Each structure stands twice: as C-alpha cells, then as structure tokens.
Amino acid sequence: MKSLAAIAIAAAVVGAAGGAARADAHELTARFGPEAGVTRLADAASSDAAQVWTGGLAAGLSYGVTNRLALDAELAAGTCGEARYADVTVDIGGTTQPAGTLARTSRYGRALVGASLRLGVSVIPTLGVAVGVGTRMRGAGAFSNADVMGIEPDDDAGGAGLELLASARAGLDVRFDAHWLAGATVAATRAWPSNGAAADALTAQLHIAYAWYP
C-alpha cells in the first residue's frame, strides 16, 4: 500500500509539472468498490491498542469544480477483525477474575466530505483531503484465562460511539472511454472517538466509476 501511494504521488507531481492533461470541469463521477486495510483500536479494558485488519465497501461522488479541483463525498461501511487485549482484569458474576485476554469484534461506518486534485484525463493521479464523522459498533467482549473461556464480562455489552475523522489520500484512475473509469486509492485516516484514544487506519480501495455531465 505504501508503494501504491508513492507511485500515485510521483505521478501527480509529474502531471502537475507537465500541465498537459487536465480533468474536465463540471464532470460528475460516481464510484463504488471494496476496501481493506489495517487499523489500531483502543479499548477501555486495556492501556494497549490492538492492530486489526478491516474490510468493507465504499461509494462516493466527485464533482469537478474546475479542470483540476473536485469536491468529494464518500460513504463506507465494513467490519474489523478480532481485536485481542492481553493482561486484562474483569469481573464475571461479580467476581474479579485473574488476568486474561479480552477479544472483541466491531463494525464501522463513515461519511466524509473533502476536495481533491485531479491531474490528468486518460490517466488521472489524485491527491485529496477529507473530514467527516464515523461510528464504531463494538461487539460484546469475550474474556478468557486459565479458568474461563469466552465469557462476557459484567458491564460489557458493546455499543456504538461517534468519531471525528480526518483523512489524506492518494490515488490513480484510468479512463477507458468517455464514461467508464477504474482506479485505486490509498488513504491514511485518524479518528478521534467521543470516548477513548485516537485511532489510526491505513486503507486501500479499488473502484469502478462512471462519469457524466449533469
């Protein structure tokens, strides 16, 4: 994913310097595709964050304000792999348990708005930034140690929380004809939850897109 971001950034610099290829103003583009990545998740039960894989689907719209500047909107949702937190102490049935491991899965959703530079017509490097809100829906925890296996702790039923998001991304689109495109994007996102420590995510997206002039 790092190499893809480096290629996209380098292509964007070359395109900006040459100034030959430019995306059309007033073009509206709808895109859809899968995403996968890795994120670090904090939990109130542990002082250490867990690194997990994520996967989901994303859909977005882009509108060309000028030949190079586009406004963007995106919706995405998906699931996170199981996060495991070691050396956790919890209560089960009112009794404090010896230290063990707490495992938890979660789902996520996000809505972003932002702007991007589109530096091409046939081959289109993109650089963008976005802000928005997200939600993380935590599943109930499952605690295990030498005495118990996969038991839900007291006062731990999961739940959902809101997050503020900021994202920077680099991508590359290829235009097949007047309407159809395909591409890839790499995004680095920071989330500030309403209760808990900030979390960082690195996500790669593949998409197909359809462009027209409304």
Foldseek 3Di string as FASTA:
>chain_A
DVVQQVVLVVVLVVLVVVVPFWAAAQKKKKKKFKKKWKKWADDPQAPGTFIWIKIWMKIKMWHGHHRWKIKMKMKIKTWIDKGKHFQGWFAAPNRIDGTWIKIKIKMKIWIKIWMWTWRHHQKTKIKIKIKTKMKIWIAFIFTDDPPDGGDGGPPTHTGMWMKIKIKIKIKMWGDPDPWKIWIKMWMWMWIDTPDDDIMIMIMMIIIIMTMDRD
